Amino acid sequence: DLIKIKKILDKYSSSNIYFTIGIGFNFKRKIISETIDKNFKGKFKWKSIISNNSIISNDVKIGKGTIIMPGVVINKGVKIGKHCIVNTSSSIDHDNMISNFVSIAPGVNTSGNVQIGEASHIGINSAIKQNITIGKNVLIGAMTYVNKNCVRNSIVYGVPMQIIGKRHISDDYL
């Protein structure tokens, strides 16, 4: 509710308060952040939360509001967008490009040069082969081996992956 948010912001407007959205559902995270950015320009300060128990190469770029959980390893040349979640014990290899509002579930492994489109979700214990592009709004099911590119708005699952459906913006996860 925007009125409640405004009251909170007015109360603490002179403080250095930072915010992170910890909601796992990508589209809700996106809608909330865009609504806040539009309606409260300059009042919200987004903060990334990065676990001290993660290993991140010095040249990795991490966008505002992103959460990196314990046990995550992120290698050289990776770029992660804003308001993403990289969950426990995931491994993101070199030169990956992870767009805004992406969720990476626990135990995911990506090879080098993987691109993941905005608001996509990579399911628990999935693996992505090198040089793969995953389009915008893709849902990768749990324990999937992604061995070819995924078109936007698709649902994929299996070993090796198969397209099993089409995803709409308001759809929940599997």
Foldseek 3Di string as FASTA:
>chain_A
DVVVVVVVLVVCQVDPDADADPDLQLLVLVVVVVVCCVPVPPSHHFAEAADPQEAEDPQEAAEGREYEEHLEYEDEQEYAYHREYADHNEYHYYNEYHYPSEYEYHQEYEYEPEYEEGSEYAAHNEYEYYPEYEYHCEYEYHHEYDDHHHYHQFYWYDVDIDTDGGHDSPDDHD
